[in-house]
Structure formats: C-alpha cells, structure tokens
Amino acid sequence: MTNSTSPTSSDIKAKAKSVTEDLGNAARETAQDAAGAVREEAVRRADSAKTGVADEVSDVASALRKAADSMRDGSPQERTFGQIAGGLADVSESIRGKDLGEMASELTSFAKRNPMLFLGGIALAGFAATRFATSSARRESDEGRAEPQSSSQVYAGRYSSGMPTDSASVSSNRAGGAS
C-alpha cells in the first residue's frame, strides 16, 4: 500500500540527474564565459603591447632619420642611418599590420631557418633590456638624492682611497705639511 503521490526512487534519480545536468551545463557556460573574458583581456593587452613596441620602433626610426638629415649629404653615415631608419619604419608598420598569431608563426619559422641569428638577436635584446633597466634604476636613485653631484665629486668619491679631497688638505700635503 504505497501512496501514489509519494515519489519513487526512479523519480528521485531522474530528478537528481536532471538537476546535475543543469548544474553541469551552467558551470560549463560560466567557465566558457570566464575563459572568453580572460582571452579577450589577454588579446587587448597584447595588442596594446604590440602597439607600444611599434611606436617605440617608429620613434627610433624617426630619431635615426633626424640624425641622418643633420649629417653631410651623401656621407656614408648619412646613407647608413637613412637605410636603418627606413628598415625600422618598415618593421614598425609590419608589427602594426599583423596579429600576434602571425607574428609568432613568422618568428618560429625565422628561428628554424636561422637559429644562430635568432639566438644572437635574443642575446642582444637581453643585453639591451638589461642596460635599459640598470639605466632606469640608476636614474631613479639619482632623482632621490638631495643634492646633485658634479662629475669631479663623483670621481673623487669613487677613487679617493682615503686621501683628503678638499683643496686645503691637498695643497698642504703637496707642500710637505702634515694635516
């Protein structure tokens, strides 16, 4: 004598299965939405970085072009700087015109064709980045100083080896006097 209004075990299982599928679908949709948002943000940031690199390369090309313009017409330096500036301008436009997938593919194929040149370029870029980073850090620490030093003060501070550096002490030491 079972009550016809009470759920059977098969009804409970079917309901649980339905709820589980609904939760799974909702979780999958949420994960896909989150992945899409992350992907869009990554692409946005990569495009921003790509644009920044293209702008920097373009700025270097402009600076080289200005340097070439200030040199004697027809000189080897003027021609070399002009050629480098033109090449960098082309690289800048190439960077702007390609998406990251194309650039990665081209970089991979270049590395396979010219492994030594690729490794040399990476090493050169690493040296340049290190140089830039140390220069930036040095400039920031110099801005924190209360009083700027002249180059003679820096030289005297680095190479004094405990000897007095003020002019009165130096002149008395030269004259044979003790201070």
N, C-alpha and C. Protein backbone atom coordinates (compact mmCIF):
# COMPACT_ATOMS: atom_id res chain seq x y z
N MET A 1 0.79 -1.17 0.00
CA MET A 1 0.00 0.00 0.00
C MET A 1 0.85 1.26 0.00
N THR A 2 1.35 1.53 -1.10
CA THR A 2 2.14 2.73 -1.24
C THR A 2 1.26 3.86 -1.72
N ASN A 3 1.61 4.99 -1.33
CA ASN A 3 0.86 6.18 -1.69
C ASN A 3 1.28 6.59 -3.10
N SER A 4 0.38 6.84 -4.02
CA SER A 4 0.69 7.17 -5.40
C SER A 4 1.26 8.58 -5.53
N THR A 5 1.10 9.41 -4.54
CA THR A 5 1.64 10.76 -4.61
C THR A 5 3.08 10.84 -4.11
N SER A 6 3.58 9.83 -3.46
CA SER A 6 4.97 9.87 -2.99
C SER A 6 5.89 9.48 -4.15
N PRO A 7 7.03 10.17 -4.24
CA PRO A 7 7.93 9.90 -5.35
C PRO A 7 8.60 8.53 -5.19
N THR A 8 8.82 7.91 -6.31
CA THR A 8 9.51 6.63 -6.29
C THR A 8 11.00 6.89 -6.43
N SER A 9 11.78 5.86 -6.20
CA SER A 9 13.22 6.02 -6.28
C SER A 9 13.65 6.36 -7.70
N SER A 10 12.97 5.86 -8.69
CA SER A 10 13.32 6.20 -10.07
C SER A 10 13.00 7.67 -10.37
N ASP A 11 11.94 8.18 -9.78
CA ASP A 11 11.62 9.60 -9.95
C ASP A 11 12.69 10.48 -9.30
N ILE A 12 13.14 10.08 -8.14
CA ILE A 12 14.18 10.84 -7.42
C ILE A 12 15.48 10.82 -8.22
N LYS A 13 15.82 9.64 -8.76
CA LYS A 13 17.04 9.53 -9.56
C LYS A 13 16.95 10.40 -10.81
N ALA A 14 15.82 10.39 -11.46
CA ALA A 14 15.64 11.19 -12.68
C ALA A 14 15.73 12.68 -12.35
N LYS A 15 15.12 13.07 -11.25
CA LYS A 15 15.17 14.48 -10.84
C LYS A 15 16.60 14.89 -10.49
N ALA A 16 17.32 14.03 -9.77
CA ALA A 16 18.72 14.31 -9.40
C ALA A 16 19.58 14.40 -10.64
N LYS A 17 19.35 13.52 -11.60
CA LYS A 17 20.12 13.54 -12.84
C LYS A 17 19.86 14.83 -13.61
N SER A 18 18.61 15.24 -13.65
CA SER A 18 18.24 16.47 -14.35
C SER A 18 18.90 17.69 -13.70
N VAL A 19 18.84 17.74 -12.36
CA VAL A 19 19.45 18.86 -11.63
C VAL A 19 20.97 18.86 -11.84
N THR A 20 21.59 17.67 -11.81
CA THR A 20 23.03 17.56 -12.01
C THR A 20 23.42 18.03 -13.41
N GLU A 21 22.66 17.64 -14.42
CA GLU A 21 22.94 18.08 -15.78
C GLU A 21 22.78 19.59 -15.91
N ASP A 22 21.74 20.13 -15.29
CA ASP A 22 21.53 21.58 -15.33
C ASP A 22 22.69 22.32 -14.67
N LEU A 23 23.14 21.82 -13.51
CA LEU A 23 24.28 22.44 -12.82
C LEU A 23 25.56 22.33 -13.66
N GLY A 24 25.76 21.18 -14.27
CA GLY A 24 26.94 20.98 -15.13
C GLY A 24 26.94 21.93 -16.31
N ASN A 25 25.76 22.05 -16.94
CA ASN A 25 25.65 22.98 -18.08
C ASN A 25 25.89 24.42 -17.66
N ALA A 26 25.33 24.79 -16.52
CA ALA A 26 25.53 26.17 -16.02
C ALA A 26 27.00 26.41 -15.68
N ALA A 27 27.65 25.42 -15.07
CA ALA A 27 29.08 25.56 -14.73
C ALA A 27 29.92 25.66 -16.00
N ARG A 28 29.59 24.85 -17.01
CA ARG A 28 30.32 24.88 -18.28
C ARG A 28 30.17 26.23 -18.97
N GLU A 29 28.95 26.76 -18.99
CA GLU A 29 28.71 28.07 -19.60
C GLU A 29 29.47 29.17 -18.86
N THR A 30 29.46 29.10 -17.53
CA THR A 30 30.17 30.10 -16.73
C THR A 30 31.68 30.02 -17.00
N ALA A 31 32.20 28.81 -17.07
CA ALA A 31 33.63 28.63 -17.35
C ALA A 31 33.98 29.14 -18.74
N GLN A 32 33.13 28.87 -19.72
CA GLN A 32 33.38 29.36 -21.08
C GLN A 32 33.32 30.87 -21.14
N ASP A 33 32.37 31.47 -20.43
CA ASP A 33 32.28 32.93 -20.38
C ASP A 33 33.53 33.53 -19.74
N ALA A 34 33.98 32.92 -18.63
CA ALA A 34 35.18 33.41 -17.94
C ALA A 34 36.41 33.26 -18.83
N ALA A 35 36.52 32.11 -19.50
CA ALA A 35 37.66 31.90 -20.40
C ALA A 35 37.63 32.90 -21.55
N GLY A 36 36.45 33.18 -22.07
CA GLY A 36 36.33 34.18 -23.14
C GLY A 36 36.74 35.56 -22.66
N ALA A 37 36.33 35.91 -21.46
CA ALA A 37 36.70 37.23 -20.91
C ALA A 37 38.21 37.32 -20.70
N VAL A 38 38.81 36.26 -20.19
CA VAL A 38 40.27 36.24 -19.99
C VAL A 38 40.97 36.33 -21.33
N ARG A 39 40.50 35.58 -22.31
CA ARG A 39 41.10 35.60 -23.65
C ARG A 39 41.02 37.01 -24.24
N GLU A 40 39.85 37.65 -24.13
CA GLU A 40 39.68 39.00 -24.67
C GLU A 40 40.62 39.99 -23.99
N GLU A 41 40.77 39.87 -22.67
CA GLU A 41 41.67 40.77 -21.94
C GLU A 41 43.12 40.53 -22.34
N ALA A 42 43.50 39.26 -22.52
CA ALA A 42 44.86 38.95 -22.94
C ALA A 42 45.15 39.51 -24.33
N VAL A 43 44.18 39.37 -25.23
CA VAL A 43 44.35 39.90 -26.58
C VAL A 43 44.43 41.42 -26.54
N ARG A 44 43.61 42.05 -25.72
CA ARG A 44 43.63 43.51 -25.60
C ARG A 44 44.99 43.99 -25.09
N ARG A 45 45.50 43.32 -24.06
CA ARG A 45 46.79 43.72 -23.52
C ARG A 45 47.93 43.45 -24.50
N ALA A 46 47.86 42.33 -25.18
CA ALA A 46 48.89 42.01 -26.17
C ALA A 46 48.87 43.02 -27.32
N ASP A 47 47.69 43.39 -27.76
CA ASP A 47 47.58 44.41 -28.81
C ASP A 47 48.14 45.75 -28.34
N SER A 48 47.87 46.07 -27.08
CA SER A 48 48.40 47.31 -26.52
C SER A 48 49.92 47.27 -26.48
N ALA A 49 50.47 46.13 -26.06
CA ALA A 49 51.93 45.99 -26.02
C ALA A 49 52.50 46.03 -27.44
N LYS A 50 51.82 45.39 -28.38
CA LYS A 50 52.27 45.39 -29.77
C LYS A 50 52.30 46.82 -30.31
N THR A 51 51.27 47.58 -30.01
CA THR A 51 51.22 48.97 -30.46
C THR A 51 52.34 49.78 -29.81
N GLY A 52 52.60 49.53 -28.53
CA GLY A 52 53.69 50.23 -27.85
C GLY A 52 55.05 49.92 -28.47
N VAL A 53 55.28 48.66 -28.79
CA VAL A 53 56.54 48.28 -29.43
C VAL A 53 56.65 48.94 -30.80
N ALA A 54 55.56 48.91 -31.57
CA ALA A 54 55.58 49.54 -32.89
C ALA A 54 55.85 51.04 -32.77
N ASP A 55 55.26 51.69 -31.78
CA ASP A 55 55.51 53.12 -31.56
C ASP A 55 56.97 53.38 -31.21
N GLU A 56 57.55 52.54 -30.34
CA GLU A 56 58.95 52.71 -29.96
C GLU A 56 59.87 52.54 -31.16
N VAL A 57 59.62 51.51 -31.97
CA VAL A 57 60.44 51.28 -33.16
C VAL A 57 60.30 52.46 -34.11
N SER A 58 59.09 52.97 -34.25
CA SER A 58 58.86 54.13 -35.11
C SER A 58 59.60 55.36 -34.58
N ASP A 59 59.61 55.55 -33.27
CA ASP A 59 60.33 56.68 -32.67
C ASP A 59 61.83 56.57 -32.92
N VAL A 60 62.37 55.35 -32.81
CA VAL A 60 63.81 55.16 -33.07
C VAL A 60 64.09 55.46 -34.54
N ALA A 61 63.21 55.00 -35.44
CA ALA A 61 63.38 55.28 -36.86
C ALA A 61 63.36 56.79 -37.12
N SER A 62 62.46 57.50 -36.46
CA SER A 62 62.40 58.96 -36.63
C SER A 62 63.66 59.64 -36.12
N ALA A 63 64.16 59.17 -34.98
CA ALA A 63 65.39 59.75 -34.43
C ALA A 63 66.57 59.49 -35.37
N LEU A 64 66.65 58.29 -35.92
CA LEU A 64 67.73 57.99 -36.86
C LEU A 64 67.59 58.82 -38.14
N ARG A 65 66.36 59.01 -38.58
CA ARG A 65 66.14 59.82 -39.78
C ARG A 65 66.58 61.28 -39.52
N LYS A 66 66.26 61.81 -38.33
CA LYS A 66 66.70 63.17 -37.98
C LYS A 66 68.22 63.25 -37.91
N ALA A 67 68.84 62.21 -37.34
CA ALA A 67 70.30 62.18 -37.26
C ALA A 67 70.89 62.14 -38.67
N ALA A 68 70.30 61.35 -39.55
CA ALA A 68 70.79 61.27 -40.93
C ALA A 68 70.64 62.62 -41.64
N ASP A 69 69.53 63.32 -41.37
CA ASP A 69 69.30 64.62 -42.00
C ASP A 69 70.31 65.67 -41.54
N SER A 70 70.82 65.51 -40.32
CA SER A 70 71.77 66.50 -39.81
C SER A 70 73.20 66.24 -40.27
N MET A 71 73.43 65.12 -40.93
CA MET A 71 74.77 64.79 -41.41
C MET A 71 74.96 65.32 -42.82
N ARG A 72 76.22 65.32 -43.23
CA ARG A 72 76.58 65.80 -44.57
C ARG A 72 75.90 64.91 -45.61
N ASP A 73 75.26 65.54 -46.60
CA ASP A 73 74.57 64.79 -47.65
C ASP A 73 75.54 63.88 -48.39
N GLY A 74 75.12 62.63 -48.56
CA GLY A 74 75.93 61.67 -49.31
C GLY A 74 77.01 60.98 -48.51
N SER A 75 77.17 61.36 -47.24
CA SER A 75 78.22 60.71 -46.44
C SER A 75 77.81 59.27 -46.13
N PRO A 76 78.77 58.41 -45.88
CA PRO A 76 78.43 57.02 -45.55
C PRO A 76 77.55 56.92 -44.30
N GLN A 77 77.79 57.76 -43.33
CA GLN A 77 76.98 57.74 -42.11
C GLN A 77 75.54 58.13 -42.41
N GLU A 78 75.38 59.14 -43.25
CA GLU A 78 74.04 59.60 -43.60
C GLU A 78 73.28 58.51 -44.34
N ARG A 79 73.92 57.84 -45.27
CA ARG A 79 73.27 56.76 -46.01
C ARG A 79 72.94 55.59 -45.09
N THR A 80 73.88 55.23 -44.21
CA THR A 80 73.65 54.11 -43.29
C THR A 80 72.51 54.40 -42.34
N PHE A 81 72.52 55.57 -41.73
CA PHE A 81 71.44 55.93 -40.81
C PHE A 81 70.09 55.97 -41.54
N GLY A 82 70.09 56.49 -42.77
CA GLY A 82 68.86 56.54 -43.56
C GLY A 82 68.33 55.15 -43.87
N GLN A 83 69.25 54.23 -44.22
CA GLN A 83 68.82 52.86 -44.52
C GLN A 83 68.27 52.17 -43.27
N ILE A 84 68.95 52.35 -42.15
CA ILE A 84 68.48 51.74 -40.90
C ILE A 84 67.13 52.33 -40.52
N ALA A 85 66.98 53.64 -40.66
CA ALA A 85 65.70 54.29 -40.34
C ALA A 85 64.58 53.75 -41.22
N GLY A 86 64.85 53.59 -42.52
CA GLY A 86 63.85 53.04 -43.42
C GLY A 86 63.47 51.61 -43.06
N GLY A 87 64.48 50.81 -42.70
CA GLY A 87 64.21 49.43 -42.30
C GLY A 87 63.38 49.36 -41.03
N LEU A 88 63.70 50.21 -40.07
CA LEU A 88 62.93 50.22 -38.82
C LEU A 88 61.51 50.72 -39.04
N ALA A 89 61.33 51.67 -39.94
CA ALA A 89 59.97 52.14 -40.24
C ALA A 89 59.16 51.01 -40.86
N ASP A 90 59.79 50.21 -41.74
CA ASP A 90 59.10 49.06 -42.32
C ASP A 90 58.74 48.03 -41.26
N VAL A 91 59.67 47.79 -40.33
CA VAL A 91 59.41 46.84 -39.24
C VAL A 91 58.24 47.33 -38.39
N SER A 92 58.22 48.61 -38.10
CA SER A 92 57.14 49.19 -37.29
C SER A 92 55.79 48.98 -37.96
N GLU A 93 55.72 49.24 -39.26
CA GLU A 93 54.45 49.06 -39.98
C GLU A 93 54.08 47.58 -40.05
N SER A 94 55.07 46.73 -40.18
CA SER A 94 54.81 45.28 -40.21
C SER A 94 54.23 44.81 -38.88
N ILE A 95 54.78 45.34 -37.79
CA ILE A 95 54.28 44.97 -36.46
C ILE A 95 52.83 45.43 -36.30
N ARG A 96 52.53 46.62 -36.75
CA ARG A 96 51.17 47.15 -36.62
C ARG A 96 50.16 46.34 -37.45
N GLY A 97 50.60 45.85 -38.62
CA GLY A 97 49.69 45.21 -39.55
C GLY A 97 49.42 43.74 -39.32
N LYS A 98 50.07 43.13 -38.34
CA LYS A 98 49.90 41.69 -38.13
C LYS A 98 49.35 41.42 -36.75
N ASP A 99 48.60 40.32 -36.67
CA ASP A 99 48.13 39.93 -35.34
C ASP A 99 49.21 39.07 -34.68
N LEU A 100 49.03 38.79 -33.41
CA LEU A 100 50.06 38.10 -32.64
C LEU A 100 50.31 36.69 -33.14
N GLY A 101 49.28 36.00 -33.62
CA GLY A 101 49.45 34.65 -34.15
C GLY A 101 50.37 34.63 -35.36
N GLU A 102 50.17 35.59 -36.27
CA GLU A 102 51.02 35.69 -37.45
C GLU A 102 52.46 36.00 -37.05
N MET A 103 52.62 36.92 -36.11
CA MET A 103 53.98 37.29 -35.68
C MET A 103 54.68 36.10 -35.03
N ALA A 104 53.97 35.34 -34.20
CA ALA A 104 54.57 34.18 -33.55
C ALA A 104 54.95 33.13 -34.58
N SER A 105 54.11 32.92 -35.57
CA SER A 105 54.39 31.96 -36.62
C SER A 105 55.63 32.36 -37.43
N GLU A 106 55.71 33.63 -37.78
CA GLU A 106 56.86 34.12 -38.54
C GLU A 106 58.15 34.03 -37.71
N LEU A 107 58.05 34.36 -36.42
CA LEU A 107 59.21 34.28 -35.55
C LEU A 107 59.69 32.84 -35.42
N THR A 108 58.76 31.91 -35.31
CA THR A 108 59.11 30.50 -35.21
C THR A 108 59.80 30.02 -36.49
N SER A 109 59.25 30.39 -37.63
CA SER A 109 59.86 29.95 -38.89
C SER A 109 61.23 30.61 -39.09
N PHE A 110 61.39 31.86 -38.68
CA PHE A 110 62.69 32.52 -38.77
C PHE A 110 63.71 31.82 -37.87
N ALA A 111 63.29 31.45 -36.66
CA ALA A 111 64.19 30.77 -35.73
C ALA A 111 64.62 29.42 -36.28
N LYS A 112 63.72 28.74 -36.97
CA LYS A 112 64.08 27.45 -37.57
C LYS A 112 65.03 27.62 -38.74
N ARG A 113 64.86 28.67 -39.54
CA ARG A 113 65.72 28.91 -40.70
C ARG A 113 67.09 29.44 -40.29
N ASN A 114 67.14 30.29 -39.25
CA ASN A 114 68.37 30.97 -38.84
C ASN A 114 68.56 30.86 -37.33
N PRO A 115 68.88 29.69 -36.81
CA PRO A 115 68.93 29.54 -35.35
C PRO A 115 70.02 30.40 -34.69
N MET A 116 71.17 30.51 -35.31
CA MET A 116 72.25 31.29 -34.70
C MET A 116 71.92 32.78 -34.70
N LEU A 117 71.36 33.25 -35.79
CA LEU A 117 70.97 34.66 -35.87
C LEU A 117 69.86 34.96 -34.87
N PHE A 118 68.93 34.03 -34.72
CA PHE A 118 67.84 34.19 -33.76
C PHE A 118 68.40 34.26 -32.34
N LEU A 119 69.28 33.33 -31.98
CA LEU A 119 69.86 33.33 -30.64
C LEU A 119 70.70 34.58 -30.39
N GLY A 120 71.43 35.02 -31.40
CA GLY A 120 72.21 36.25 -31.27
C GLY A 120 71.30 37.45 -31.06
N GLY A 121 70.18 37.50 -31.79
CA GLY A 121 69.23 38.60 -31.62
C GLY A 121 68.60 38.59 -30.23
N ILE A 122 68.28 37.40 -29.73
CA ILE A 122 67.72 37.30 -28.38
C ILE A 122 68.73 37.77 -27.35
N ALA A 123 69.99 37.35 -27.52
CA ALA A 123 71.04 37.78 -26.58
C ALA A 123 71.21 39.30 -26.63
N LEU A 124 71.23 39.86 -27.84
CA LEU A 124 71.37 41.31 -27.99
C LEU A 124 70.19 42.03 -27.35
N ALA A 125 68.99 41.51 -27.55
CA ALA A 125 67.81 42.12 -26.92
C ALA A 125 67.90 42.04 -25.39
N GLY A 126 68.42 40.92 -24.89
CA GLY A 126 68.60 40.77 -23.44
C GLY A 126 69.60 41.78 -22.89
N PHE A 127 70.71 41.96 -23.61
CA PHE A 127 71.70 42.95 -23.17
C PHE A 127 71.11 44.35 -23.19
N ALA A 128 70.35 44.67 -24.23
CA ALA A 128 69.74 45.99 -24.33
C ALA A 128 68.73 46.20 -23.21
N ALA A 129 67.93 45.17 -22.92
CA ALA A 129 66.94 45.29 -21.85
C ALA A 129 67.62 45.46 -20.50
N THR A 130 68.70 44.73 -20.27
CA THR A 130 69.45 44.87 -19.01
C THR A 130 70.03 46.26 -18.89
N ARG A 131 70.59 46.74 -19.96
CA ARG A 131 71.19 48.08 -19.98
C ARG A 131 70.14 49.14 -19.68
N PHE A 132 68.97 48.99 -20.32
CA PHE A 132 67.88 49.93 -20.10
C PHE A 132 67.40 49.88 -18.66
N ALA A 133 67.26 48.68 -18.12
CA ALA A 133 66.77 48.53 -16.75
C ALA A 133 67.75 49.13 -15.74
N THR A 134 69.04 48.89 -15.91
CA THR A 134 70.01 49.45 -14.97
C THR A 134 70.08 50.96 -15.11
N SER A 135 69.96 51.46 -16.33
CA SER A 135 69.96 52.91 -16.54
C SER A 135 68.75 53.55 -15.88
N SER A 136 67.59 52.92 -16.02
CA SER A 136 66.38 53.45 -15.40
C SER A 136 66.48 53.43 -13.88
N ALA A 137 67.03 52.34 -13.33
CA ALA A 137 67.18 52.24 -11.88
C ALA A 137 68.16 53.29 -11.37
N ARG A 138 69.24 53.49 -12.10
CA ARG A 138 70.24 54.49 -11.70
C ARG A 138 69.64 55.89 -11.74
N ARG A 139 68.85 56.17 -12.78
CA ARG A 139 68.23 57.49 -12.91
C ARG A 139 67.24 57.73 -11.77
N GLU A 140 66.48 56.69 -11.40
CA GLU A 140 65.52 56.83 -10.31
C GLU A 140 66.22 57.06 -8.98
N SER A 141 67.35 56.39 -8.75
CA SER A 141 68.07 56.59 -7.49
C SER A 141 68.72 57.97 -7.46
N ASP A 142 69.15 58.46 -8.61
CA ASP A 142 69.73 59.80 -8.66
C ASP A 142 68.68 60.87 -8.37
N GLU A 143 67.44 60.63 -8.77
CA GLU A 143 66.38 61.61 -8.52
C GLU A 143 66.06 61.72 -7.04
N GLY A 144 66.36 60.68 -6.26
CA GLY A 144 66.09 60.69 -4.83
C GLY A 144 67.15 61.42 -4.01
N ARG A 145 68.28 61.75 -4.62
CA ARG A 145 69.35 62.47 -3.90
C ARG A 145 68.93 63.91 -3.64
N ALA A 146 69.38 64.42 -2.49
CA ALA A 146 69.03 65.80 -2.13
C ALA A 146 69.82 66.80 -2.95
N GLU A 147 71.06 66.48 -3.27
CA GLU A 147 71.94 67.43 -3.92
C GLU A 147 72.67 66.75 -5.07
N PRO A 148 72.55 67.24 -6.30
CA PRO A 148 73.24 66.60 -7.40
C PRO A 148 74.75 66.77 -7.26
N GLN A 149 75.50 65.76 -7.71
CA GLN A 149 76.95 65.81 -7.63
C GLN A 149 77.52 66.08 -9.01
N SER A 150 78.63 66.83 -9.03
CA SER A 150 79.31 67.04 -10.29
C SER A 150 80.15 65.81 -10.60
N SER A 151 80.62 65.72 -11.83
CA SER A 151 81.41 64.55 -12.21
C SER A 151 82.71 64.49 -11.42
N SER A 152 83.29 65.65 -11.04
CA SER A 152 84.52 65.63 -10.26
C SER A 152 84.26 65.14 -8.84
N GLN A 153 83.08 65.45 -8.28
CA GLN A 153 82.74 64.94 -6.96
C GLN A 153 82.53 63.43 -6.99
N VAL A 154 81.90 62.94 -8.04
CA VAL A 154 81.68 61.51 -8.17
C VAL A 154 83.03 60.82 -8.31
N TYR A 155 83.91 61.38 -9.15
CA TYR A 155 85.23 60.80 -9.36
C TYR A 155 86.00 60.78 -8.04
N ALA A 156 85.99 61.89 -7.33
CA ALA A 156 86.72 61.97 -6.07
C ALA A 156 86.16 60.99 -5.05
N GLY A 157 84.86 60.83 -5.02
CA GLY A 157 84.24 59.91 -4.08
C GLY A 157 84.56 58.47 -4.39
N ARG A 158 84.70 58.13 -5.65
CA ARG A 158 84.96 56.75 -6.04
C ARG A 158 86.43 56.38 -5.89
N TYR A 159 87.32 57.29 -6.17
CA TYR A 159 88.72 56.95 -6.30
C TYR A 159 89.62 57.60 -5.26
N SER A 160 89.08 58.07 -4.14
CA SER A 160 89.89 58.83 -3.20
C SER A 160 90.78 57.94 -2.34
N SER A 161 90.46 56.72 -2.11
CA SER A 161 91.22 55.76 -1.30
C SER A 161 91.65 56.34 0.04
N GLY A 162 90.77 57.07 0.65
CA GLY A 162 91.02 57.57 1.99
C GLY A 162 91.83 58.85 2.05
N MET A 163 92.31 59.34 0.94
CA MET A 163 93.09 60.59 0.93
C MET A 163 92.12 61.77 1.03
N PRO A 164 92.54 62.85 1.66
CA PRO A 164 91.66 64.02 1.73
C PRO A 164 91.44 64.60 0.34
N THR A 165 90.23 65.07 0.09
CA THR A 165 89.92 65.58 -1.25
C THR A 165 89.63 67.07 -1.26
N ASP A 166 89.62 67.75 -0.12
CA ASP A 166 89.38 69.19 -0.17
C ASP A 166 90.68 69.89 -0.55
N SER A 167 90.59 71.07 -1.15
CA SER A 167 91.76 71.73 -1.74
C SER A 167 92.77 72.15 -0.69
N ALA A 168 92.36 72.53 0.50
CA ALA A 168 93.31 72.95 1.54
C ALA A 168 94.17 71.77 1.98
N SER A 169 93.57 70.63 2.17
CA SER A 169 94.33 69.47 2.61
C SER A 169 95.26 68.99 1.52
N VAL A 170 94.78 69.03 0.27
CA VAL A 170 95.62 68.57 -0.83
C VAL A 170 96.82 69.49 -0.99
N SER A 171 96.62 70.82 -0.90
CA SER A 171 97.74 71.74 -1.08
C SER A 171 98.73 71.63 0.07
N SER A 172 98.26 71.38 1.29
CA SER A 172 99.20 71.25 2.40
C SER A 172 99.97 69.95 2.28
N ASN A 173 99.35 68.90 1.73
CA ASN A 173 100.08 67.65 1.52
C ASN A 173 101.13 67.81 0.44
N ARG A 174 100.87 68.60 -0.58
CA ARG A 174 101.84 68.83 -1.65
C ARG A 174 103.02 69.66 -1.14
N ALA A 175 102.73 70.58 -0.22
CA ALA A 175 103.77 71.46 0.30
C ALA A 175 104.63 70.73 1.32
N GLY A 176 104.28 69.51 1.66
CA GLY A 176 105.09 68.76 2.61
C GLY A 176 104.58 68.85 4.02
N GLY A 177 103.52 69.61 4.22
CA GLY A 177 102.98 69.76 5.56
C GLY A 177 102.05 68.63 5.91
N ALA A 178 101.92 68.38 7.18
CA ALA A 178 101.00 67.34 7.63
C ALA A 178 99.71 68.00 8.04
N SER A 179 98.62 67.34 7.82
CA SER A 179 97.38 67.95 8.23
C SER A 179 96.81 67.28 9.44
